[in-house]
Each structure stands twice: as C-alpha cells, then as structure tokens.
Amino acid sequence: MTVTEPAPPSSPGAAPKAERWTAQWKELYAEVITTGLCTGCAGCVVTCPHDVIGYEHEEGKYKPFHLEEELGLDNCIHGEKGCTTCTRACPRFRAWEPAADMHLFGRVREPNEMSGIWRQLLLTRAANDEEHTKGQDGGFVSAMLNWLLQNDYIEAALVSGVEEDDAWKAKPVVVTNREEVLATAGSRYTYCANPLALPEAKERGFSRLALVGMGCQTSSPPVMWDRKAGKVSKPFLFNIGLLCSKTFDDAIFPELFEAKYGLKKQDMVKMNIKGVFQIWMKDGSYHEIDLKECHKWTREGCKNCPDFAAEHSDIATGGIGKDNDWTLTIVRTELGEEVINRMIADGVIIARPAQEDEVAMKLLRTLSIVSRRRWPEFADQAPSVGVPPPKKKEPAAAPAAAAPAADAPAADAAAPASPAAPAADG
C-alpha cells in the first residue's frame, strides 16, 4: 500500500521527503470502485493516458471499468509498469479532501466549516431577462458561462445537455457560445458525468475549459493538481460547482412519475426541488411529489457522497432558500472572487448578501452535515471532521390511551425546502 505521508527526516532539520506515489488501478478498484465510494464522476476515465478505462453512462451503472483483458477487471498492465494517473485523478481516493483543500486554499477546512472554505456568500440572479428566464432559479450559471466566454477566460465549457430524442435524458456536452449555453440551461436531476465531454473538447482544439458539475466532479481537477497528475489536468481553468445532495436513476420517470401520477416524461417542461419534487407540464398544470417517494430511485453513486456544497469549486451555486428567483452563490477561490466581482461591476448579475436569507443559511449547513454523515468509517476520515452526531430523539410521553408516537427525523437532518439533486442551471 502506498504511503502518502511525509517520510521522517534523515537528519535533524532536514526537510520531510514524500514517498513516491505508486497507487494505480488495482488500488482504485479495491478501495473505491468496489466499496461504494465511487461516485461515477469519470475523472479516472477522461484522464487515463492509455484509454483503458471505460464508462457506462446509463441507469444502474455510472461506473468506470477496466477494458484490458490481460490482468482482468481488477488490475492494469500500465499500472504495473508505473502508471498512476487514475488514482491521482480520483476525488474519492484516500485523503482526497485535504489534498484539494491544500492546493486551493493552502490549508484544510476547520471542523466547523461544514460547507467548505469560502470567501463570499451571496444571493445572485442574472440581470439579463433571457438568462434569468431560461436558467434554473436565478439563472446565475448561464450568466457566468456567457460572461467567461465573452471575456476570454475560457474557450468552452463541459456541461450537461440532453439527447436529441429525449429532453430529460442528460448527456455530457461541450458549449462554446451563448446559444449553446442557453440551450443546455436548467436542472435535470438524473446523473450526468460532465467530464466525459473532455475528449470532444480536445478533439475540437479547446484547451481552456470550464467544468460545470456536482462536488464529486469539481473536486477532481484540484486533486489532480495537488497529486501532480500532469498535463491531463491543465485544460480545467474554472470550476463551477452545483449544490447537490443526490441524483436519481432515469427509471424514476416511468416507474414513479408516469406509473403512479400519469406524468409522462415527454410532456414535462420544467422541474425543480424545493422540499418536494416540483414538475410543470406542457398543459400548464403543476404537480408536487413527496421526496420520500423518490428515495427508492436514488442513484447508487450518491449514497456515500459527503459533499453537498461542491467544496472544491471556484464558485459553488444552487437554488436553496425561500426564493426561487435567486441562486445561493458560494465564492471559494481568489479566481472565483475576481470573476464574481467583475460580473457585478459589469452589471451582468445582481447580488446581495446571502445572510439576508436565513432559510438558505440554515439549509446550507444542515444539508452539508447530512451529506457528510454518509461518509463511511472505513474511508479516510477528513470529510467527517467536525460533523456533529445526530440529535437524540427525546422519548415521547405516553398517555394511557395514546398510541406510540411515530419516529421523527433528527432536527438537523430534516430539509423541508432542500434540493435533493443539482440545484442550479448548468
């Protein structure tokens, strides 16, 4: 097993020397792929220099697998010869959280920083009516992508689009202009491994990219940078994170929405999650579905994910709080702060302090804690540092004629207005 802590100094006063990184696909398969830690982010797939890691972007899978036959599914010839790129790119392999923290912020998060390290907390919305209307909640991500493209920060962005014959089947796509950005706006709530669009971006000659994705995806570039994965990490110049507590398998459409409520996928025009699953239909009708009914279709890769707040993005964003018209925006890095301040100065977005929305502030902490509690004890424990234990339920008084009280959720585990999936307009 690879030792990643510094080796003891050879003599008093000598600088610590880190041991050579040797972990490869064999360790990734044993420690992440088969243990429930893998989120299906596809970081290992798109960075593999030998193209020997495949990915099945379909319901019930969303996991990488090894393509070579010589050593089977659980080992790699290139890894045996010294290739370690896949483990360097994995945002769930060993001490991934401190690695990304140190690279981005020069320190690890404090125990009370449940939603990660940040510089500014804002509520934002697009000033442009088209971006605001077509985007989710405040339309902030659409406005930011358009601004980044127009101001030459990036050449293209990796985002979630949809299949031509299915407006709700997400697929990774490359966007390069305002028209394409607006065409992909809105949330889908099923999983999309946006990094899978990287090969297309490279084929088209783009080398300065933004990545829009959930925390499981946006942690990958800084982990790669810290672990020195090489040139594969260089195209990612800006990281936009989407607040996310889970995504759903595509089967939720026929098996719940249509089978129980008669809501056909092809007749839906918009969806959102604000404590309930909200669905708007082409006929103008609006429907709400209890999130408890949706839990059965939770995607497997989300069940152990500890990162609600996309803690390693330049800017994280999501539609939580009391107002559907504004986007909670977490500015994390120096680059993110430069971009947000310039956008405000240019009049591209309208911003106000997030602390004005007490509901959003409470939900940000609550949902970050709930997600961190999912992280298993067998994995590196950095994501669990500072996480308070669930509050104990007080025994209910039992009057002589009363029936036993039903179990109630812990106070800080309930999320009456929370998103259960990506809550932004990527």
Protein backbone atom coordinates (compact mmCIF):
# COMPACT_ATOMS: atom_id res chain seq x y z
CA MET A 1 0.00 0.00 0.00
CA THR A 2 1.28 3.44 -0.86
CA VAL A 3 2.28 5.71 2.00
CA THR A 4 1.42 9.32 1.23
CA GLU A 5 2.50 10.99 4.47
CA PRO A 6 5.95 12.59 4.53
CA ALA A 7 8.77 10.23 5.46
CA PRO A 8 10.76 11.04 8.62
CA PRO A 9 13.69 13.39 8.04
CA SER A 10 17.01 11.63 7.55
CA SER A 11 18.71 14.05 9.94
CA PRO A 12 17.65 16.79 12.35
CA GLY A 13 16.44 19.85 10.43
CA ALA A 14 16.15 18.01 7.11
CA ALA A 15 13.04 18.70 5.02
CA PRO A 16 10.43 15.89 5.04
CA LYS A 17 10.53 13.78 1.91
CA ALA A 18 7.27 12.47 0.47
CA GLU A 19 7.25 8.87 -0.66
CA ARG A 20 6.73 8.13 -4.34
CA TRP A 21 3.08 7.75 -5.39
CA THR A 22 2.60 4.21 -6.68
CA ALA A 23 -1.16 3.61 -6.33
CA GLN A 24 -2.75 2.51 -9.62
CA TRP A 25 -5.98 0.98 -10.94
CA LYS A 26 -5.55 -2.09 -8.72
CA GLU A 27 -5.82 0.08 -5.60
CA LEU A 28 -8.55 2.27 -7.11
CA TYR A 29 -10.64 -0.79 -7.91
CA ALA A 30 -10.18 -2.28 -4.44
CA GLU A 31 -10.60 0.91 -2.41
CA VAL A 32 -13.11 2.97 -4.41
CA ILE A 33 -14.86 1.14 -7.27
CA THR A 34 -16.00 -1.89 -5.26
CA THR A 35 -16.55 -0.27 -1.85
CA GLY A 36 -19.34 2.20 -2.61
CA LEU A 37 -17.09 5.28 -2.64
CA CYS A 38 -17.15 5.69 -6.42
CA THR A 39 -19.48 8.48 -7.48
CA GLY A 40 -19.13 7.82 -11.21
CA CYS A 41 -17.55 11.23 -11.84
CA ALA A 42 -15.46 9.78 -14.72
CA GLY A 43 -12.32 11.65 -13.67
CA CYS A 44 -10.25 8.47 -13.99
CA VAL A 45 -11.77 7.72 -17.41
CA VAL A 46 -11.01 11.00 -19.16
CA THR A 47 -7.52 11.32 -17.71
CA CYS A 48 -6.29 7.78 -18.44
CA PRO A 49 -3.33 8.27 -20.83
CA HIS A 50 -3.72 4.74 -22.22
CA ASP A 51 -7.52 4.80 -22.79
CA VAL A 52 -8.02 1.53 -20.94
CA ILE A 53 -10.82 2.68 -18.59
CA GLY A 54 -14.35 2.54 -19.93
CA TYR A 55 -17.59 4.01 -18.59
CA GLU A 56 -21.23 3.07 -18.92
CA HIS A 57 -23.34 6.22 -18.86
CA GLU A 58 -26.64 4.55 -18.19
CA GLU A 59 -29.08 3.72 -15.44
CA GLY A 60 -27.84 1.46 -12.67
CA LYS A 61 -24.21 1.77 -13.76
CA TYR A 62 -22.43 5.13 -14.00
CA LYS A 63 -19.15 3.46 -13.05
CA PRO A 64 -15.74 3.08 -14.64
CA PHE A 65 -14.42 -0.35 -15.61
CA HIS A 66 -11.13 -1.71 -16.96
CA LEU A 67 -11.01 -2.56 -20.66
CA GLU A 68 -7.89 -4.73 -20.89
CA GLU A 69 -8.24 -8.50 -20.65
CA GLU A 70 -4.69 -9.49 -19.68
CA LEU A 71 -4.96 -8.84 -15.92
CA GLY A 72 -8.73 -8.79 -15.60
CA LEU A 73 -11.08 -6.18 -14.19
CA ASP A 74 -9.08 -5.51 -11.03
CA ASN A 75 -5.58 -4.81 -12.32
CA CYS A 76 -3.83 -2.91 -15.10
CA ILE A 77 -0.68 -3.70 -17.11
CA HIS A 78 0.11 0.00 -17.41
CA GLY A 79 -0.35 0.37 -13.66
CA GLU A 80 2.05 -2.50 -13.04
CA LYS A 81 4.56 -0.61 -15.19
CA GLY A 82 4.17 2.57 -13.12
CA CYS A 83 1.14 4.49 -14.47
CA THR A 84 -0.75 6.12 -11.58
CA THR A 85 -2.93 8.72 -13.32
CA CYS A 86 -6.29 7.19 -12.38
CA THR A 87 -5.68 7.35 -8.62
CA ARG A 88 -4.22 10.85 -8.89
CA ALA A 89 -7.44 11.99 -10.61
CA CYS A 90 -9.92 10.30 -8.28
CA PRO A 91 -11.78 12.68 -5.94
CA ARG A 92 -12.62 9.85 -3.55
CA PHE A 93 -9.26 8.05 -3.32
CA ARG A 94 -7.66 8.13 0.14
CA ALA A 95 -7.01 11.64 1.53
CA TRP A 96 -8.72 13.49 -1.32
CA GLU A 97 -10.33 16.29 0.72
CA PRO A 98 -7.13 17.58 2.38
CA ALA A 99 -5.28 17.27 -0.94
CA ALA A 100 -7.77 19.53 -2.74
CA ASP A 101 -8.02 21.89 0.25
CA MET A 102 -4.27 22.39 0.44
CA HIS A 103 -3.93 23.03 -3.27
CA LEU A 104 -6.80 25.53 -3.48
CA PHE A 105 -6.63 27.24 -0.10
CA GLY A 106 -3.26 26.43 1.46
CA ARG A 107 -4.98 24.88 4.47
CA VAL A 108 -7.53 22.21 5.32
CA ARG A 109 -11.03 23.21 6.36
CA GLU A 110 -11.73 23.88 10.03
CA PRO A 111 -14.03 21.45 11.88
CA ASN A 112 -16.87 24.00 11.88
CA GLU A 113 -16.63 24.66 8.12
CA MET A 114 -19.28 22.13 7.15
CA SER A 115 -19.80 23.61 3.68
CA GLY A 116 -16.09 24.02 2.98
CA ILE A 117 -13.85 27.07 2.77
CA TRP A 118 -15.24 30.24 1.22
CA ARG A 119 -14.61 33.96 0.72
CA GLN A 120 -18.10 35.35 0.00
CA LEU A 121 -21.67 34.13 0.37
CA LEU A 122 -24.12 35.84 -1.97
CA LEU A 123 -27.59 35.57 -3.42
CA THR A 124 -27.39 36.24 -7.14
CA ARG A 125 -29.56 36.38 -10.24
CA ALA A 126 -28.91 37.11 -13.88
CA ALA A 127 -29.63 40.69 -14.90
CA ASN A 128 -30.45 39.58 -18.45
CA ASP A 129 -34.09 38.50 -18.82
CA GLU A 130 -33.35 35.64 -21.22
CA GLU A 131 -30.67 34.13 -18.98
CA HIS A 132 -32.90 34.59 -15.95
CA THR A 133 -35.94 33.03 -17.60
CA LYS A 134 -34.25 30.04 -19.26
CA GLY A 135 -31.95 29.25 -16.34
CA GLN A 136 -32.86 27.47 -13.13
CA ASP A 137 -33.69 29.70 -10.15
CA GLY A 138 -31.70 32.91 -10.70
CA GLY A 139 -30.06 31.87 -13.98
CA PHE A 140 -26.64 32.57 -12.46
CA VAL A 141 -24.68 29.72 -14.09
CA SER A 142 -25.88 30.65 -17.57
CA ALA A 143 -24.90 34.28 -16.97
CA MET A 144 -21.48 33.26 -15.63
CA LEU A 145 -20.67 30.90 -18.50
CA ASN A 146 -21.62 33.53 -21.06
CA TRP A 147 -19.50 36.13 -19.26
CA LEU A 148 -16.48 33.78 -19.02
CA LEU A 149 -16.70 33.06 -22.75
CA GLN A 150 -17.14 36.71 -23.71
CA ASN A 151 -14.23 37.83 -21.54
CA ASP A 152 -11.84 35.14 -22.80
CA TYR A 153 -11.39 33.33 -19.50
CA ILE A 154 -12.35 30.09 -21.28
CA GLU A 155 -12.89 28.76 -24.81
CA ALA A 156 -15.58 26.23 -23.94
CA ALA A 157 -17.37 24.56 -21.02
CA LEU A 158 -18.23 20.97 -20.17
CA VAL A 159 -21.89 20.88 -19.11
CA SER A 160 -24.96 18.69 -19.04
CA GLY A 161 -27.08 18.64 -22.19
CA VAL A 162 -29.85 16.30 -23.37
CA GLU A 163 -30.32 13.67 -26.04
CA GLU A 164 -31.98 14.81 -29.28
CA ASP A 165 -34.90 12.40 -28.87
CA ASP A 166 -35.31 12.77 -25.10
CA ALA A 167 -35.41 16.19 -23.44
CA TRP A 168 -34.80 14.66 -20.00
CA LYS A 169 -32.01 12.18 -20.78
CA ALA A 170 -28.84 14.01 -19.73
CA LYS A 171 -25.59 13.70 -21.67
CA PRO A 172 -22.20 15.46 -21.37
CA VAL A 173 -21.73 18.19 -23.97
CA VAL A 174 -19.35 20.99 -24.91
CA VAL A 175 -20.74 24.53 -25.18
CA THR A 176 -18.85 27.38 -26.82
CA ASN A 177 -21.31 30.26 -27.25
CA ARG A 178 -24.36 31.96 -25.79
CA GLU A 179 -26.87 29.98 -27.86
CA GLU A 180 -25.42 26.65 -26.73
CA VAL A 181 -25.25 27.76 -23.10
CA LEU A 182 -28.92 28.76 -23.05
CA ALA A 183 -29.93 25.55 -24.85
CA THR A 184 -28.46 23.48 -22.01
CA ALA A 185 -29.78 25.62 -19.12
CA GLY A 186 -31.91 24.08 -16.39
CA SER A 187 -31.61 21.15 -13.99
CA ARG A 188 -32.22 17.52 -14.88
CA TYR A 189 -31.89 15.63 -11.51
CA THR A 190 -30.56 12.48 -13.14
CA TYR A 191 -26.80 11.95 -13.26
CA CYS A 192 -24.52 13.27 -15.97
CA ALA A 193 -20.74 12.75 -15.84
CA ASN A 194 -19.86 16.07 -17.49
CA PRO A 195 -16.08 15.35 -17.58
CA LEU A 196 -16.85 12.76 -20.29
CA ALA A 197 -17.14 15.69 -22.71
CA LEU A 198 -13.39 16.37 -22.31
CA PRO A 199 -12.28 14.17 -25.28
CA GLU A 200 -14.66 16.08 -27.57
CA ALA A 201 -13.29 19.41 -26.33
CA LYS A 202 -9.74 18.22 -27.01
CA GLU A 203 -10.65 16.96 -30.50
CA ARG A 204 -12.09 20.40 -31.28
CA GLY A 205 -8.86 22.04 -30.17
CA PHE A 206 -10.08 23.66 -26.96
CA SER A 207 -7.50 23.85 -24.18
CA ARG A 208 -9.07 26.40 -21.79
CA LEU A 209 -12.17 24.94 -20.23
CA ALA A 210 -14.72 25.47 -17.50
CA LEU A 211 -16.20 22.42 -15.81
CA VAL A 212 -19.77 22.60 -14.51
CA GLY A 213 -20.61 19.72 -12.19
CA MET A 214 -21.54 18.45 -8.77
CA GLY A 215 -18.96 18.25 -5.99
CA CYS A 216 -17.97 14.72 -6.97
CA GLN A 217 -16.84 16.12 -10.34
CA THR A 218 -15.42 19.51 -9.36
CA SER A 219 -13.12 18.02 -6.71
CA SER A 220 -11.26 16.05 -9.38
CA PRO A 221 -9.21 18.87 -11.02
CA PRO A 222 -7.73 20.22 -7.74
CA VAL A 223 -7.00 16.68 -6.57
CA MET A 224 -5.15 16.11 -9.86
CA TRP A 225 -3.23 19.36 -9.45
CA ASP A 226 -2.19 18.51 -5.91
CA ARG A 227 -1.17 14.96 -6.83
CA LYS A 228 0.69 16.16 -9.93
CA ALA A 229 -1.28 14.18 -12.49
CA GLY A 230 0.46 16.01 -15.32
CA LYS A 231 -0.89 17.62 -18.46
CA VAL A 232 -4.29 15.91 -18.20
CA SER A 233 -5.35 18.47 -15.57
CA LYS A 234 -4.25 21.58 -17.46
CA PRO A 235 -7.41 22.29 -19.53
CA PHE A 236 -9.55 22.88 -16.43
CA LEU A 237 -9.24 26.62 -15.78
CA PHE A 238 -12.52 27.33 -13.99
CA ASN A 239 -14.64 25.08 -11.79
CA ILE A 240 -18.38 25.74 -11.26
CA GLY A 241 -19.92 23.53 -8.59
CA LEU A 242 -23.60 22.64 -8.22
CA LEU A 243 -25.06 22.13 -4.76
CA CYS A 244 -26.29 18.55 -4.72
CA SER A 245 -27.43 16.03 -2.14
CA LYS A 246 -28.34 13.26 -4.60
CA THR A 247 -29.40 12.39 -8.13
CA PHE A 248 -31.93 9.83 -9.32
CA ASP A 249 -31.87 6.91 -11.73
CA ASP A 250 -33.71 7.53 -15.00
CA ALA A 251 -36.19 4.81 -14.06
CA ILE A 252 -37.94 7.32 -11.79
CA PHE A 253 -39.69 8.74 -14.87
CA PRO A 254 -41.63 5.61 -15.99
CA GLU A 255 -41.78 3.83 -12.64
CA LEU A 256 -42.98 6.70 -10.42
CA PHE A 257 -43.89 9.87 -12.29
CA GLU A 258 -45.82 8.13 -15.07
CA ALA A 259 -46.92 4.87 -13.43
CA LYS A 260 -48.34 6.49 -10.28
CA TYR A 261 -49.14 10.05 -11.32
CA GLY A 262 -49.67 9.80 -15.07
CA LEU A 263 -46.97 12.40 -15.73
CA LYS A 264 -45.27 11.47 -18.99
CA LYS A 265 -41.67 12.43 -19.50
CA GLN A 266 -42.28 13.90 -22.94
CA ASP A 267 -44.95 16.24 -21.56
CA MET A 268 -42.77 17.80 -18.84
CA VAL A 269 -41.38 21.30 -19.40
CA LYS A 270 -39.58 22.06 -16.13
CA MET A 271 -38.72 20.51 -12.79
CA ASN A 272 -37.25 21.72 -9.52
CA ILE A 273 -36.85 20.50 -5.97
CA LYS A 274 -37.88 22.70 -3.05
CA GLY A 275 -38.70 20.27 -0.27
CA VAL A 276 -40.88 18.43 -2.82
CA PHE A 277 -40.30 17.34 -6.38
CA GLN A 278 -41.91 20.08 -8.48
CA ILE A 279 -43.00 19.31 -12.05
CA TRP A 280 -44.51 21.67 -14.63
CA MET A 281 -46.31 20.16 -17.65
CA LYS A 282 -46.97 21.34 -21.21
CA ASP A 283 -50.69 21.68 -20.48
CA GLY A 284 -49.90 24.33 -17.84
CA SER A 285 -50.51 22.06 -14.85
CA TYR A 286 -48.18 21.94 -11.84
CA HIS A 287 -47.56 18.91 -9.62
CA GLU A 288 -45.73 18.19 -6.37
CA ILE A 289 -44.41 14.77 -5.34
CA ASP A 290 -43.18 13.94 -1.85
CA LEU A 291 -39.43 13.40 -1.86
CA LYS A 292 -39.83 10.36 0.37
CA GLU A 293 -41.46 8.62 -2.57
CA CYS A 294 -38.41 9.35 -4.71
CA HIS A 295 -35.75 7.89 -2.39
CA LYS A 296 -36.14 4.41 -3.86
CA TRP A 297 -34.63 5.71 -7.11
CA THR A 298 -31.56 7.33 -5.52
CA ARG A 299 -28.51 6.68 -7.69
CA GLU A 300 -26.09 4.21 -6.10
CA GLY A 301 -23.08 6.51 -6.51
CA CYS A 302 -24.71 9.22 -4.38
CA LYS A 303 -25.33 7.17 -1.24
CA ASN A 304 -21.90 7.74 0.35
CA CYS A 305 -21.10 11.17 -1.10
CA PRO A 306 -20.20 13.67 1.66
CA ASP A 307 -20.05 16.85 -0.44
CA PHE A 308 -23.32 18.76 -0.72
CA ALA A 309 -21.71 22.17 -1.25
CA ALA A 310 -19.20 21.42 -4.06
CA GLU A 311 -16.43 22.45 -1.68
CA HIS A 312 -13.59 22.45 -4.21
CA SER A 313 -15.09 24.61 -6.94
CA ASP A 314 -14.09 28.19 -7.71
CA ILE A 315 -17.75 29.14 -7.26
CA ALA A 316 -20.50 26.83 -5.98
CA THR A 317 -24.13 27.62 -6.59
CA GLY A 318 -27.61 26.25 -6.04
CA GLY A 319 -31.25 27.15 -5.60
CA ILE A 320 -31.80 26.71 -1.88
CA GLY A 321 -33.66 29.15 0.32
CA LYS A 322 -37.03 30.84 0.44
CA ASP A 323 -36.92 32.47 -3.00
CA ASN A 324 -36.94 30.57 -6.33
CA ASP A 325 -35.75 33.71 -8.09
CA TRP A 326 -32.27 33.85 -6.54
CA THR A 327 -29.29 31.49 -6.51
CA LEU A 328 -27.17 30.88 -3.42
CA THR A 329 -23.60 31.54 -4.55
CA ILE A 330 -20.52 30.43 -2.60
CA VAL A 331 -17.35 32.18 -3.77
CA ARG A 332 -14.42 30.00 -2.74
CA THR A 333 -11.18 30.87 -4.54
CA GLU A 334 -9.29 34.02 -5.42
CA LEU A 335 -10.12 33.41 -9.09
CA GLY A 336 -13.79 32.95 -8.23
CA GLU A 337 -13.79 36.23 -6.33
CA GLU A 338 -12.17 38.04 -9.24
CA VAL A 339 -14.85 36.73 -11.62
CA ILE A 340 -17.82 37.45 -9.36
CA ASN A 341 -16.64 40.99 -8.60
CA ARG A 342 -16.13 41.75 -12.28
CA MET A 343 -19.55 40.34 -13.17
CA ILE A 344 -21.20 42.53 -10.55
CA ALA A 345 -19.26 45.58 -11.76
CA ASP A 346 -20.30 44.84 -15.36
CA GLY A 347 -23.96 44.61 -14.36
CA VAL A 348 -24.21 41.02 -15.59
CA ILE A 349 -25.63 39.79 -12.29
CA ILE A 350 -27.47 41.31 -9.35
CA ALA A 351 -26.08 40.29 -5.97
CA ARG A 352 -26.92 40.75 -2.31
CA PRO A 353 -25.57 39.18 0.91
CA ALA A 354 -26.74 35.59 1.36
CA GLN A 355 -27.10 36.20 5.09
CA GLU A 356 -30.33 38.07 4.28
CA ASP A 357 -31.94 34.68 3.65
CA GLU A 358 -31.85 32.83 6.97
CA VAL A 359 -33.56 29.81 5.40
CA ALA A 360 -30.77 29.43 2.85
CA MET A 361 -28.07 29.80 5.52
CA LYS A 362 -29.63 27.17 7.73
CA LEU A 363 -30.17 24.78 4.85
CA LEU A 364 -26.60 25.16 3.64
CA ARG A 365 -25.26 24.00 6.98
CA THR A 366 -27.94 21.35 7.54
CA LEU A 367 -27.58 19.71 4.14
CA SER A 368 -23.78 19.83 4.32
CA ILE A 369 -23.92 17.99 7.66
CA VAL A 370 -26.44 15.45 6.38
CA SER A 371 -24.21 14.65 3.40
CA ARG A 372 -21.03 14.39 5.49
CA ARG A 373 -22.74 11.89 7.82
CA ARG A 374 -22.99 9.50 4.88
CA TRP A 375 -19.21 9.15 4.57
CA PRO A 376 -18.26 5.62 5.74
CA GLU A 377 -15.91 4.94 8.65
CA PHE A 378 -13.57 2.69 6.62
CA ALA A 379 -12.50 5.60 4.36
CA ASP A 380 -10.12 8.50 5.13
CA GLN A 381 -11.92 10.45 7.85
CA ALA A 382 -11.14 14.04 6.78
CA PRO A 383 -14.69 14.62 5.40
CA SER A 384 -16.14 13.61 8.79
CA VAL A 385 -14.05 16.01 10.90
CA GLY A 386 -16.28 18.26 12.97
CA VAL A 387 -19.53 16.61 11.91
CA PRO A 388 -21.95 16.67 14.87
CA PRO A 389 -23.72 13.43 15.73
CA PRO A 390 -27.46 13.27 15.03
CA LYS A 391 -29.54 14.70 17.81
CA LYS A 392 -31.05 12.05 20.02
CA LYS A 393 -34.78 11.74 19.85
CA GLU A 394 -36.40 12.53 23.13
CA PRO A 395 -38.75 9.79 24.32
CA ALA A 396 -42.32 10.84 23.74
CA ALA A 397 -44.70 10.98 26.67
CA ALA A 398 -47.09 8.07 26.50
CA PRO A 399 -50.59 8.90 27.81
CA ALA A 400 -52.55 5.85 28.85
CA ALA A 401 -54.84 5.87 25.83
CA ALA A 402 -52.36 7.17 23.27
CA ALA A 403 -50.71 5.14 20.55
CA PRO A 404 -46.87 5.12 20.33
CA ALA A 405 -45.53 8.19 18.54
CA ALA A 406 -44.07 7.74 15.08
CA ASP A 407 -40.33 8.27 14.72
CA ALA A 408 -39.44 11.83 13.74
CA PRO A 409 -36.30 12.81 11.85
CA ALA A 410 -33.48 14.45 13.77
CA ALA A 411 -33.86 18.22 13.81
CA ASP A 412 -30.74 18.87 11.77
CA ALA A 413 -31.41 16.08 9.30
CA ALA A 414 -34.73 17.45 8.06
CA ALA A 415 -34.66 19.62 4.97
CA PRO A 416 -38.14 20.94 4.27
CA ALA A 417 -37.07 23.22 1.43
CA SER A 418 -33.96 21.42 0.26
CA PRO A 419 -32.83 20.35 -3.17
CA ALA A 420 -32.27 16.62 -3.45
CA ALA A 421 -30.15 16.96 -6.56
CA PRO A 422 -28.23 19.54 -8.57
CA ALA A 423 -29.83 22.88 -7.83
CA ALA A 424 -28.50 25.19 -10.49
CA ASP A 425 -28.83 25.96 -14.15
CA GLY A 426 -25.75 24.28 -15.56
